[in-house]
Protein backbone atom coordinates (compact mmCIF):
# COMPACT_ATOMS: atom_id res chain seq x y z
CA MET A 1 87.39 91.93 79.96
CA THR A 2 84.85 91.30 82.66
CA ASN A 3 81.55 93.12 83.19
CA TYR A 4 82.42 96.29 85.09
CA LYS A 5 79.14 96.14 87.06
CA LYS A 6 80.45 93.06 88.85
CA LEU A 7 83.65 94.74 89.98
CA GLU A 8 83.90 95.75 93.65
CA VAL A 9 85.83 98.86 92.59
CA TRP A 10 82.84 100.03 90.50
CA THR A 11 80.12 99.11 93.01
CA LEU A 12 81.91 100.96 95.81
CA ALA A 13 82.30 104.00 93.54
CA MET A 14 78.55 103.88 92.87
CA ASP A 15 77.88 103.76 96.62
CA ILE A 16 80.02 106.87 96.97
CA VAL A 17 77.92 108.64 94.32
CA LYS A 18 74.77 107.86 96.31
CA GLU A 19 76.32 109.12 99.55
CA ILE A 20 77.51 112.31 97.86
CA TYR A 21 74.16 113.07 96.27
CA ASP A 22 72.42 112.52 99.60
CA LEU A 23 74.98 114.79 101.25
CA THR A 24 74.96 117.64 98.72
CA LYS A 25 71.15 117.85 98.91
CA ARG A 26 71.78 119.33 102.37
CA TYR A 27 74.32 121.92 101.18
CA PRO A 28 73.22 125.57 101.20
CA ASN A 29 71.51 126.76 97.99
CA ASP A 30 74.20 129.36 97.40
CA GLU A 31 76.60 126.45 96.71
CA ARG A 32 74.40 125.08 93.89
CA TYR A 33 76.80 126.20 91.15
CA GLY A 34 79.93 125.85 93.23
CA LEU A 35 80.59 123.03 95.66
CA ILE A 36 77.40 121.07 94.91
CA SER A 37 77.99 120.89 91.18
CA GLN A 38 81.71 120.21 91.39
CA THR A 39 81.33 117.64 94.19
CA ASN A 40 78.64 115.73 92.32
CA ARG A 41 80.66 115.77 89.09
CA ALA A 42 83.79 114.50 90.83
CA ALA A 43 81.80 111.68 92.44
CA ILE A 44 80.17 110.66 89.15
CA SER A 45 83.54 110.70 87.42
CA ILE A 46 84.89 107.87 89.59
CA PRO A 47 82.58 105.02 88.44
CA SER A 48 82.10 106.57 84.98
CA ASN A 49 85.80 106.38 84.19
CA ILE A 50 86.02 102.84 85.55
CA ALA A 51 83.17 101.84 83.22
CA GLU A 52 84.63 103.68 80.24
CA GLY A 53 88.04 102.15 80.84
CA MET A 54 86.53 98.68 80.98
CA GLY A 55 84.92 99.34 77.60
CA ARG A 56 88.28 99.86 75.93
CA ASN A 57 89.95 97.10 73.98
CA TYR A 58 93.42 97.85 75.26
CA THR A 59 94.79 97.43 78.77
CA LYS A 60 96.81 100.62 78.39
CA ASP A 61 93.59 102.60 77.75
CA THR A 62 91.83 100.92 80.66
CA VAL A 63 94.68 101.80 83.00
CA GLN A 64 94.62 105.41 81.79
CA PHE A 65 90.90 105.72 82.63
CA LEU A 66 91.55 104.16 86.04
CA HIS A 67 94.15 106.87 86.64
CA VAL A 68 91.51 109.50 85.80
CA SER A 69 89.08 107.78 88.15
CA ARG A 70 91.65 107.87 90.95
CA GLY A 71 92.28 111.55 90.27
CA SER A 72 88.56 112.22 90.62
CA ALA A 73 88.56 110.40 93.96
CA TYR A 74 91.34 112.70 95.19
CA GLU A 75 89.45 115.71 93.87
CA LEU A 76 86.35 114.59 95.74
CA GLU A 77 88.39 114.11 98.90
CA THR A 78 89.61 117.70 98.59
CA LEU A 79 86.09 119.03 98.00
CA LEU A 80 84.91 117.23 101.14
CA ASN A 81 87.80 118.76 103.07
CA VAL A 82 86.72 122.20 101.87
CA ALA A 83 83.11 121.52 102.86
CA MET A 84 84.20 120.43 106.32
CA MET A 85 86.56 123.39 106.67
CA ILE A 86 83.72 125.84 105.98
CA ASN A 87 81.35 123.91 108.27
CA ILE A 88 78.99 122.49 105.65
CA VAL A 89 79.91 118.88 106.49
CA ASP A 90 80.25 117.55 110.01
CA GLU A 91 83.23 115.43 111.03
CA GLN A 92 81.28 112.15 111.33
CA THR A 93 79.88 112.43 107.79
CA TYR A 94 83.29 113.45 106.49
CA ARG A 95 84.95 110.42 108.13
CA LYS A 96 82.34 108.02 106.74
CA ILE A 97 82.70 109.21 103.15
CA ASN A 98 86.45 109.69 103.42
CA ASN A 99 86.81 106.07 104.56
CA MET A 100 84.81 104.99 101.52
CA LEU A 101 87.08 107.10 99.31
CA GLU A 102 90.23 105.64 100.83
CA SER A 103 88.90 102.14 100.18
CA SER A 104 87.99 103.14 96.64
CA ILE A 105 91.48 104.51 95.97
CA ARG A 106 93.03 101.30 97.31
CA LEU A 107 90.81 99.22 95.02
CA ILE A 108 91.62 101.40 92.01
CA ASN A 109 95.35 101.13 92.78
CA GLY A 110 95.03 97.37 93.14
CA PHE A 111 93.17 97.09 89.85
CA ILE A 112 95.79 99.22 88.09
CA ASN A 113 98.58 97.04 89.51
CA TYR A 114 96.73 93.86 88.48
CA LEU A 115 96.26 95.07 84.91
CA GLU A 116 99.84 96.28 84.60
CA ARG A 117 101.22 92.93 85.83
CA LYS A 118 98.92 91.09 83.47
CA LYS A 119 100.37 92.87 80.37
């Protein structure tokens, strides 16, 4: 398989991690062990699972890790919705990161479909 660092799906996921870390630095301190921790972990999980999946020798395993990555993207989307709902995140920031997440999910879905057709 190809080097995961060259994949658009991975590089976009890494950009999301950067955006999320920059964002959660501005969250209130009382969310340190709640939303901050969970949001950061969900963000990190997206590119981490893409990388781990690419390190597997079997397409089936790679696809499974991509499914986990996609699940983390949906989790992150939900956490951002919560943060916006409780007025921690403004609508403009939410839209920017949500657009990145939607693109990421499309790329993950496309990669899954590509690998499944290739079998």
